[in-house]
Protein backbone atom coordinates (compact mmCIF):
# COMPACT_ATOMS: atom_id res chain seq x y z
CA UNK A 1 39.61 56.95 158.62
CA UNK A 2 36.34 58.74 158.36
CA UNK A 3 36.26 62.55 158.26
CA UNK A 4 33.77 64.19 160.62
CA UNK A 5 32.34 67.60 160.09
CA UNK A 6 32.82 70.18 162.78
CA UNK A 7 29.76 71.32 164.71
CA UNK A 8 29.78 74.68 162.85
CA UNK A 9 29.91 72.92 159.47
CA UNK A 10 27.04 70.65 160.47
CA UNK A 11 24.95 73.71 161.42
CA UNK A 12 25.71 75.36 158.08
CA UNK A 13 24.84 72.16 156.19
CA UNK A 14 21.59 71.88 158.16
CA UNK A 15 20.70 75.50 157.39
CA UNK A 16 21.47 74.98 153.71
CA UNK A 17 19.27 71.87 153.61
CA UNK A 18 16.46 73.67 155.41
CA UNK A 19 16.71 76.65 153.05
CA UNK A 20 16.54 74.34 150.03
CA UNK A 21 13.49 72.57 151.44
CA UNK A 22 11.77 75.88 152.23
CA UNK A 23 12.47 77.17 148.71
CA UNK A 24 11.08 73.99 147.17
CA UNK A 25 7.90 74.24 149.25
CA UNK A 26 7.27 77.94 148.61
CA UNK A 27 8.19 77.84 144.93
CA UNK A 28 5.41 75.36 144.28
CA UNK A 29 2.89 77.75 145.83
CA UNK A 30 3.42 80.80 143.58
CA UNK A 31 0.84 83.50 143.72
CA UNK A 32 -1.66 82.51 141.05
CA UNK A 33 -3.56 85.78 141.26
CA UNK A 34 -1.11 87.74 139.12
CA UNK A 35 -3.17 89.38 136.37
CA UNK A 36 -1.78 90.41 133.05
CA UNK A 37 -3.85 92.99 131.22
CA UNK A 38 -4.20 91.81 127.62
CA UNK A 39 -3.61 94.20 124.71
CA UNK A 40 -6.95 95.29 123.29
CA UNK A 41 -6.91 96.74 119.81
CA UNK A 42 -9.45 99.29 118.66
CA UNK A 43 -11.97 97.73 116.28
CA UNK A 44 -12.56 100.53 113.81
CA UNK A 45 -16.11 99.59 112.75
CA UNK A 46 -18.08 98.67 115.88
CA UNK A 47 -18.91 102.11 117.37
CA UNK A 48 -17.18 101.21 120.66
CA UNK A 49 -14.08 102.39 122.50
CA UNK A 50 -12.42 98.95 122.60
CA UNK A 51 -9.02 100.14 123.87
CA UNK A 52 -10.62 102.51 126.41
CA UNK A 53 -8.63 105.60 125.39
CA UNK A 54 -11.67 107.87 125.09
CA UNK A 55 -11.92 107.69 121.28
CA UNK A 56 -14.31 105.61 119.19
CA UNK A 57 -13.55 104.05 115.79
CA UNK A 58 -12.39 106.61 113.19
CA UNK A 59 -11.92 109.25 115.91
CA UNK A 60 -9.24 106.97 117.45
CA UNK A 61 -5.72 107.50 116.06
CA UNK A 62 -5.28 103.71 116.09
CA UNK A 63 -7.74 103.67 113.17
CA UNK A 64 -6.01 106.27 110.96
CA UNK A 65 -5.09 103.72 108.28
CA UNK A 66 -8.40 101.89 108.43
CA UNK A 67 -10.32 105.17 108.27
CA UNK A 68 -8.24 106.90 105.62
CA UNK A 69 -10.35 109.28 103.55
CA UNK A 70 -10.04 108.87 99.77
CA UNK A 71 -11.87 110.03 96.65
CA UNK A 72 -11.46 109.23 92.95
CA UNK A 73 -13.13 110.31 89.71
CA UNK A 74 -13.95 107.48 87.30
CA UNK A 75 -12.77 107.75 83.69
CA UNK A 76 -15.29 109.02 81.15
CA UNK A 77 -15.36 109.45 77.36
CA UNK A 78 -13.26 112.36 76.10
CA UNK A 79 -13.61 114.75 74.40
CA UNK A 80 -16.96 115.76 75.85
CA UNK A 81 -19.44 116.89 73.21
CA UNK A 82 -22.51 117.72 75.33
CA UNK A 83 -23.42 120.40 77.88
CA UNK A 84 -24.09 117.74 80.56
CA UNK A 85 -21.55 115.26 81.85
CA UNK A 86 -22.57 112.39 84.13
CA UNK A 87 -19.75 111.78 86.61
CA UNK A 88 -19.09 109.05 89.12
CA UNK A 89 -16.28 107.94 91.36
CA UNK A 90 -15.36 106.09 94.49
CA UNK A 91 -14.71 107.18 98.04
CA UNK A 92 -13.73 105.71 101.37
CA UNK A 93 -15.13 107.14 104.62
CA UNK A 94 -16.54 110.32 103.03
CA UNK A 95 -19.63 111.94 104.46
CA UNK A 96 -19.88 114.22 101.41
CA UNK A 97 -18.32 114.72 97.98
CA UNK A 98 -18.59 118.14 96.32
CA UNK A 99 -17.65 118.62 92.67
CA UNK A 100 -16.61 121.99 91.24
CA UNK A 101 -16.00 122.92 87.60
CA UNK A 102 -13.69 125.60 86.22
CA UNK A 103 -13.66 127.86 84.27
CA UNK A 104 -17.49 127.55 84.13
CA UNK A 105 -20.20 124.96 84.54
CA UNK A 106 -22.35 123.75 87.39
CA UNK A 107 -21.19 121.10 89.83
CA UNK A 108 -22.69 120.36 93.20
CA UNK A 109 -22.94 117.83 95.99
CA UNK A 110 -22.76 114.25 94.80
CA UNK A 111 -25.09 111.45 95.80
CA UNK A 112 -23.27 108.87 97.94
CA UNK A 113 -24.21 105.19 97.68
CA UNK A 114 -21.98 102.79 99.57
CA UNK A 115 -18.41 103.50 98.45
CA UNK A 116 -19.43 105.27 95.21
CA UNK A 117 -20.67 108.73 94.35
CA UNK A 118 -22.43 110.22 91.30
CA UNK A 119 -23.38 113.66 89.97
CA UNK A 120 -24.21 115.28 86.63
CA UNK A 121 -22.16 118.37 85.82
CA UNK A 122 -24.14 120.82 83.66
CA UNK A 123 -23.72 124.07 81.71
CA UNK A 124 -20.56 122.96 79.88
CA UNK A 125 -21.37 125.23 76.93
CA UNK A 126 -17.97 126.85 76.35
CA UNK A 127 -15.63 125.09 73.90
CA UNK A 128 -12.62 125.02 76.23
CA UNK A 129 -10.61 122.89 78.66
CA UNK A 130 -12.39 122.24 81.95
CA UNK A 131 -11.03 121.11 85.29
CA UNK A 132 -13.19 119.01 87.58
CA UNK A 133 -12.36 118.83 91.28
CA UNK A 134 -14.03 116.35 93.63
CA UNK A 135 -13.50 117.14 97.32
CA UNK A 136 -14.44 114.49 99.88
CA UNK A 137 -15.01 115.39 103.52
CA UNK A 138 -15.36 113.01 106.46
CA UNK A 139 -16.87 113.24 109.95
CA UNK A 140 -13.58 114.65 111.35
CA UNK A 141 -13.64 117.42 108.70
CA UNK A 142 -10.64 115.94 106.89
CA UNK A 143 -10.50 116.41 103.11
CA UNK A 144 -9.22 114.51 100.09
CA UNK A 145 -9.23 115.84 96.53
CA UNK A 146 -9.25 114.30 93.06
CA UNK A 147 -8.97 116.33 89.86
CA UNK A 148 -9.20 115.68 86.14
CA UNK A 149 -9.25 117.83 83.05
CA UNK A 150 -11.11 117.42 79.77
CA UNK A 151 -11.75 119.27 76.53
CA UNK A 152 -15.29 120.31 75.61
CA UNK A 153 -15.32 119.81 71.86
CA UNK A 154 -17.81 120.46 68.98
């Protein structure tokens, strides 16, 4: 004996089949115009606002690590026995390096060349311990400092 579906069941089965067919047809025609905005990172050396946040290169907080300001003083022979001491060091992202000398002596603004700086400190006539301080400044007026001490002998 064969079971026959009631008219209501046949309508429901027909609707289910039609719904499945409609889904299959529409699912294959997804909207292909959906646009995903890609992540754009700031390039910290190209003088452009790559991520379009209103800030360029080292003025963009995304570049804080890449634009970190640093300064160092290179080692030199100690004790110092002359009134003039040629100094040099390195820097990253500095627009100027100023060297001061205490308790006396004459420092000044260093000459920058690439990632190095140089300057001759003069008037180291007192036989005492001196402190040298190199202060680097960048375009955002941030500062970094390096210090060293030495004894002026003879």
